[in-house]
Amino acid sequence: MSDIEKELDPILEDLNRSVEAEEAKQLRETFIARHERFKTLVSDVINPTMSEYARYLNERGQTAQINIHWRFFDITFEIHGNDSRTHGYIGILEFSQVSDRIKVVEQIRGDSIDKIYNEDQITTELVKNRVVNFIKDFYKIYV
């Protein structure tokens, strides 16, 4: 090891460690901010809208539920078929966070449709349209 390396390597190693620590801190802060935005979107827009439709279906003798998975950054609206034509089938409408965007996946009887939206596109109107169309598509198969 040369004298230059002995002199300067410790300083450069410390510098690299501090840069790595700063980058890790930035990533962590970005992750937390993105998660907080998603939580707000779920709490203020997605969940209240889905809840109206789940309540409606349950009052009509159907089985619908909402599941929020904060750990996985998603919220699902599920319909469980409970009459002789739909028994055993589950339809799932899922809103999940993918980087800075929101992915919406609709699954009915093994078929899956997905679309990606910017966060600012997720409005009460969009959620209502997605939920209503999902419910219609789920029951349309059996009518």
C-alpha atoms as a PDB file:
ATOM      1  CA  MET A   1       0.000   0.000   0.000  1.00  0.00           C
ATOM      2  CA  SER A   2       1.396   3.365  -0.990  1.00  0.00           C
ATOM      3  CA  ASP A   3       1.682   6.373   1.280  1.00  0.00           C
ATOM      4  CA  ILE A   4      -1.056   8.109  -0.711  1.00  0.00           C
ATOM      5  CA  GLU A   5      -3.417   5.202  -0.173  1.00  0.00           C
ATOM      6  CA  LYS A   6      -2.635   5.109   3.547  1.00  0.00           C
ATOM      7  CA  GLU A   7      -3.263   8.846   3.812  1.00  0.00           C
ATOM      8  CA  LEU A   8      -6.351   9.213   1.668  1.00  0.00           C
ATOM      9  CA  ASP A   9      -8.175   5.855   1.599  1.00  0.00           C
ATOM     10  CA  PRO A  10      -9.737   6.274   5.087  1.00  0.00           C
ATOM     11  CA  ILE A  11     -11.086   9.705   4.167  1.00  0.00           C
ATOM     12  CA  LEU A  12     -12.484   8.478   0.840  1.00  0.00           C
ATOM     13  CA  GLU A  13     -14.056   5.425   2.533  1.00  0.00           C
ATOM     14  CA  ASP A  14     -15.743   7.705   5.090  1.00  0.00           C
ATOM     15  CA  LEU A  15     -16.972   9.903   2.261  1.00  0.00           C
ATOM     16  CA  ASN A  16     -18.398   6.902   0.388  1.00  0.00           C
ATOM     17  CA  ARG A  17     -20.136   5.640   3.538  1.00  0.00           C
ATOM     18  CA  SER A  18     -21.709   9.043   4.149  1.00  0.00           C
ATOM     19  CA  VAL A  19     -22.873   9.261   0.504  1.00  0.00           C
ATOM     20  CA  GLU A  20     -24.393   5.760   0.755  1.00  0.00           C
ATOM     21  CA  ALA A  21     -26.080   6.687   4.032  1.00  0.00           C
ATOM     22  CA  GLU A  22     -27.492   9.873   2.493  1.00  0.00           C
ATOM     23  CA  GLU A  23     -28.791   7.951  -0.537  1.00  0.00           C
ATOM     24  CA  ALA A  24     -30.410   5.373   1.742  1.00  0.00           C
ATOM     25  CA  LYS A  25     -31.993   8.162   3.782  1.00  0.00           C
ATOM     26  CA  GLN A  26     -33.360   9.785   0.582  1.00  0.00           C
ATOM     27  CA  LEU A  27     -34.820   6.471  -0.588  1.00  0.00           C
ATOM     28  CA  ARG A  28     -36.420   5.881   2.812  1.00  0.00           C
ATOM     29  CA  GLU A  29     -37.921   9.387   2.874  1.00  0.00           C
ATOM     30  CA  THR A  30     -39.259   8.974  -0.677  1.00  0.00           C
ATOM     31  CA  PHE A  31     -40.766   5.612   0.242  1.00  0.00           C
ATOM     32  CA  ILE A  32     -42.446   7.034   3.352  1.00  0.00           C
ATOM     33  CA  ALA A  33     -43.817  10.055   1.460  1.00  0.00           C
ATOM     34  CA  ARG A  34     -45.214   7.822  -1.297  1.00  0.00           C
ATOM     35  CA  HIS A  35     -46.820   5.540   1.292  1.00  0.00           C
ATOM     36  CA  GLU A  36     -48.384   8.512   3.092  1.00  0.00           C
ATOM     37  CA  ARG A  37     -49.848   9.804  -0.190  1.00  0.00           C
ATOM     38  CA  PHE A  38     -51.344   6.374  -0.884  1.00  0.00           C
ATOM     39  CA  LYS A  39     -52.787   6.132   2.650  1.00  0.00           C
ATOM     40  CA  THR A  40     -54.417   9.539   2.181  1.00  0.00           C
ATOM     41  CA  LEU A  41     -55.818   8.526  -1.201  1.00  0.00           C
ATOM     42  CA  VAL A  42     -57.243   5.314   0.272  1.00  0.00           C
ATOM     43  CA  SER A  43     -58.681   7.051   3.343  1.00  0.00           C
ATOM     44  CA  ASP A  44     -60.137  10.088   1.552  1.00  0.00           C
ATOM     45  CA  VAL A  45     -61.233   8.711  -1.829  1.00  0.00           C
ATOM     46  CA  ILE A  46     -61.017   4.974  -2.473  1.00  0.00           C
ATOM     47  CA  ASN A  47     -62.283   3.403   0.766  1.00  0.00           C
ATOM     48  CA  PRO A  48     -65.280   5.723   1.319  1.00  0.00           C
ATOM     49  CA  THR A  49     -66.460   5.159  -2.248  1.00  0.00           C
ATOM     50  CA  MET A  50     -65.974   1.391  -2.135  1.00  0.00           C
ATOM     51  CA  SER A  51     -67.726   1.248   1.237  1.00  0.00           C
ATOM     52  CA  GLU A  52     -70.930   2.710  -0.229  1.00  0.00           C
ATOM     53  CA  TYR A  53     -71.118  -0.071  -2.807  1.00  0.00           C
ATOM     54  CA  ALA A  54     -70.131  -2.849  -0.392  1.00  0.00           C
ATOM     55  CA  ARG A  55     -72.870  -1.693   1.996  1.00  0.00           C
ATOM     56  CA  TYR A  56     -75.388  -1.585  -0.872  1.00  0.00           C
ATOM     57  CA  LEU A  57     -74.558  -5.131  -1.999  1.00  0.00           C
ATOM     58  CA  ASN A  58     -74.617  -6.509   1.555  1.00  0.00           C
ATOM     59  CA  GLU A  59     -78.015  -4.884   2.196  1.00  0.00           C
ATOM     60  CA  ARG A  60     -79.287  -6.631  -0.955  1.00  0.00           C
ATOM     61  CA  GLY A  61     -78.255 -10.074   0.302  1.00  0.00           C
ATOM     62  CA  GLN A  62     -74.979 -10.261  -1.584  1.00  0.00           C
ATOM     63  CA  THR A  63     -71.570 -10.613   0.028  1.00  0.00           C
ATOM     64  CA  ALA A  64     -69.048  -7.827  -0.507  1.00  0.00           C
ATOM     65  CA  GLN A  65     -66.086  -6.781   1.572  1.00  0.00           C
ATOM     66  CA  ILE A  66     -63.176  -4.391   1.524  1.00  0.00           C
ATOM     67  CA  ASN A  67     -59.675  -5.331   2.623  1.00  0.00           C
ATOM     68  CA  ILE A  68     -56.897  -2.822   3.167  1.00  0.00           C
ATOM     69  CA  HIS A  69     -53.338  -4.144   3.236  1.00  0.00           C
ATOM     70  CA  TRP A  70     -51.083  -1.277   4.286  1.00  0.00           C
ATOM     71  CA  ARG A  71     -48.055  -3.528   4.245  1.00  0.00           C
ATOM     72  CA  PHE A  72     -48.602  -4.334   0.569  1.00  0.00           C
ATOM     73  CA  PHE A  73     -49.932  -0.891  -0.391  1.00  0.00           C
ATOM     74  CA  ASP A  74     -53.283  -2.111  -1.668  1.00  0.00           C
ATOM     75  CA  ILE A  75     -57.013  -2.064  -1.075  1.00  0.00           C
ATOM     76  CA  THR A  76     -59.369  -4.678  -2.501  1.00  0.00           C
ATOM     77  CA  PHE A  77     -63.105  -4.750  -3.086  1.00  0.00           C
ATOM     78  CA  GLU A  78     -64.326  -8.351  -3.158  1.00  0.00           C
ATOM     79  CA  ILE A  79     -67.634  -9.844  -4.189  1.00  0.00           C
ATOM     80  CA  HIS A  80     -68.269 -13.411  -3.035  1.00  0.00           C
ATOM     81  CA  GLY A  81     -70.888 -15.231  -5.072  1.00  0.00           C
ATOM     82  CA  ASN A  82     -73.520 -16.692  -2.770  1.00  0.00           C
ATOM     83  CA  ASP A  83     -76.462 -17.903  -4.844  1.00  0.00           C
ATOM     84  CA  SER A  84     -76.662 -21.059  -6.938  1.00  0.00           C
ATOM     85  CA  ARG A  85     -75.338 -19.321 -10.067  1.00  0.00           C
ATOM     86  CA  THR A  86     -72.459 -17.419  -8.507  1.00  0.00           C
ATOM     87  CA  HIS A  87     -71.631 -19.654  -5.516  1.00  0.00           C
ATOM     88  CA  GLY A  88     -67.929 -20.190  -5.074  1.00  0.00           C
ATOM     89  CA  TYR A  89     -66.837 -17.367  -7.353  1.00  0.00           C
ATOM     90  CA  ILE A  90     -64.985 -14.315  -6.128  1.00  0.00           C
ATOM     91  CA  GLY A  91     -64.496 -11.077  -8.008  1.00  0.00           C
ATOM     92  CA  ILE A  92     -61.708  -8.777  -6.906  1.00  0.00           C
ATOM     93  CA  LEU A  93     -61.103  -5.127  -7.731  1.00  0.00           C
ATOM     94  CA  GLU A  94     -57.727  -4.010  -6.416  1.00  0.00           C
ATOM     95  CA  PHE A  95     -56.108  -0.587  -6.207  1.00  0.00           C
ATOM     96  CA  SER A  96     -52.395  -0.832  -5.435  1.00  0.00           C
ATOM     97  CA  GLN A  97     -49.436   1.476  -5.411  1.00  0.00           C
ATOM     98  CA  VAL A  98     -46.703   0.838  -7.974  1.00  0.00           C
ATOM     99  CA  SER A  99     -43.934   3.398  -7.579  1.00  0.00           C
ATOM    100  CA  ASP A 100     -45.653   6.783  -8.021  1.00  0.00           C
ATOM    101  CA  ARG A 101     -48.631   5.356  -9.866  1.00  0.00           C
ATOM    102  CA  ILE A 102     -51.782   3.442  -8.978  1.00  0.00           C
ATOM    103  CA  LYS A 103     -52.519   0.104 -10.582  1.00  0.00           C
ATOM    104  CA  VAL A 104     -56.130  -1.045 -10.777  1.00  0.00           C
ATOM    105  CA  VAL A 105     -56.718  -4.747 -11.379  1.00  0.00           C
ATOM    106  CA  GLU A 106     -60.106  -6.350 -11.952  1.00  0.00           C
ATOM    107  CA  GLN A 107     -60.296 -10.148 -11.621  1.00  0.00           C
ATOM    108  CA  ILE A 108     -63.449 -12.087 -12.447  1.00  0.00           C
ATOM    109  CA  ARG A 109     -63.488 -15.869 -12.977  1.00  0.00           C
ATOM    110  CA  GLY A 110     -59.813 -16.014 -13.845  1.00  0.00           C
ATOM    111  CA  ASP A 111     -59.892 -13.110 -16.284  1.00  0.00           C
ATOM    112  CA  SER A 112     -57.806 -10.135 -15.295  1.00  0.00           C
ATOM    113  CA  ILE A 113     -57.862  -6.568 -16.582  1.00  0.00           C
ATOM    114  CA  ASP A 114     -55.450  -3.940 -15.308  1.00  0.00           C
ATOM    115  CA  LYS A 115     -54.772  -0.302 -15.895  1.00  0.00           C
ATOM    116  CA  ILE A 116     -52.229   2.142 -14.482  1.00  0.00           C
ATOM    117  CA  TYR A 117     -53.188   5.664 -13.389  1.00  0.00           C
ATOM    118  CA  ASN A 118     -51.278   8.662 -12.123  1.00  0.00           C
ATOM    119  CA  GLU A 119     -52.119   9.462  -8.506  1.00  0.00           C
ATOM    120  CA  ASP A 120     -53.916  12.671  -9.498  1.00  0.00           C
ATOM    121  CA  GLN A 121     -56.264  10.693 -11.775  1.00  0.00           C
ATOM    122  CA  ILE A 122     -57.707   8.736  -8.843  1.00  0.00           C
ATOM    123  CA  THR A 123     -60.877  10.654  -8.077  1.00  0.00           C
ATOM    124  CA  THR A 124     -64.157   9.702  -6.460  1.00  0.00           C
ATOM    125  CA  GLU A 125     -65.742   9.642  -9.913  1.00  0.00           C
ATOM    126  CA  LEU A 126     -63.110   7.289 -11.307  1.00  0.00           C
ATOM    127  CA  VAL A 127     -63.430   4.935  -8.313  1.00  0.00           C
ATOM    128  CA  LYS A 128     -67.238   4.950  -8.637  1.00  0.00           C
ATOM    129  CA  ASN A 129     -67.011   4.137 -12.342  1.00  0.00           C
ATOM    130  CA  ARG A 130     -64.527   1.324 -11.748  1.00  0.00           C
ATOM    131  CA  VAL A 131     -66.580  -0.184  -8.899  1.00  0.00           C
ATOM    132  CA  VAL A 132     -69.917   0.055 -10.754  1.00  0.00           C
ATOM    133  CA  ASN A 133     -68.470  -1.470 -13.920  1.00  0.00           C
ATOM    134  CA  PHE A 134     -66.793  -4.202 -11.870  1.00  0.00           C
ATOM    135  CA  ILE A 135     -70.075  -5.093 -10.129  1.00  0.00           C
ATOM    136  CA  LYS A 136     -71.933  -5.103 -13.451  1.00  0.00           C
ATOM    137  CA  ASP A 137     -69.278  -7.279 -15.080  1.00  0.00           C
ATOM    138  CA  PHE A 138     -69.319  -9.735 -12.153  1.00  0.00           C
ATOM    139  CA  TYR A 139     -73.085 -10.255 -12.236  1.00  0.00           C
ATOM    140  CA  LYS A 140     -73.486  -9.926 -16.027  1.00  0.00           C
ATOM    141  CA  ILE A 141     -71.740 -13.271 -16.465  1.00  0.00           C
ATOM    142  CA  TYR A 142     -74.519 -15.014 -14.554  1.00  0.00           C
ATOM    143  CA  VAL A 143     -77.588 -13.262 -15.956  1.00  0.00           C
END
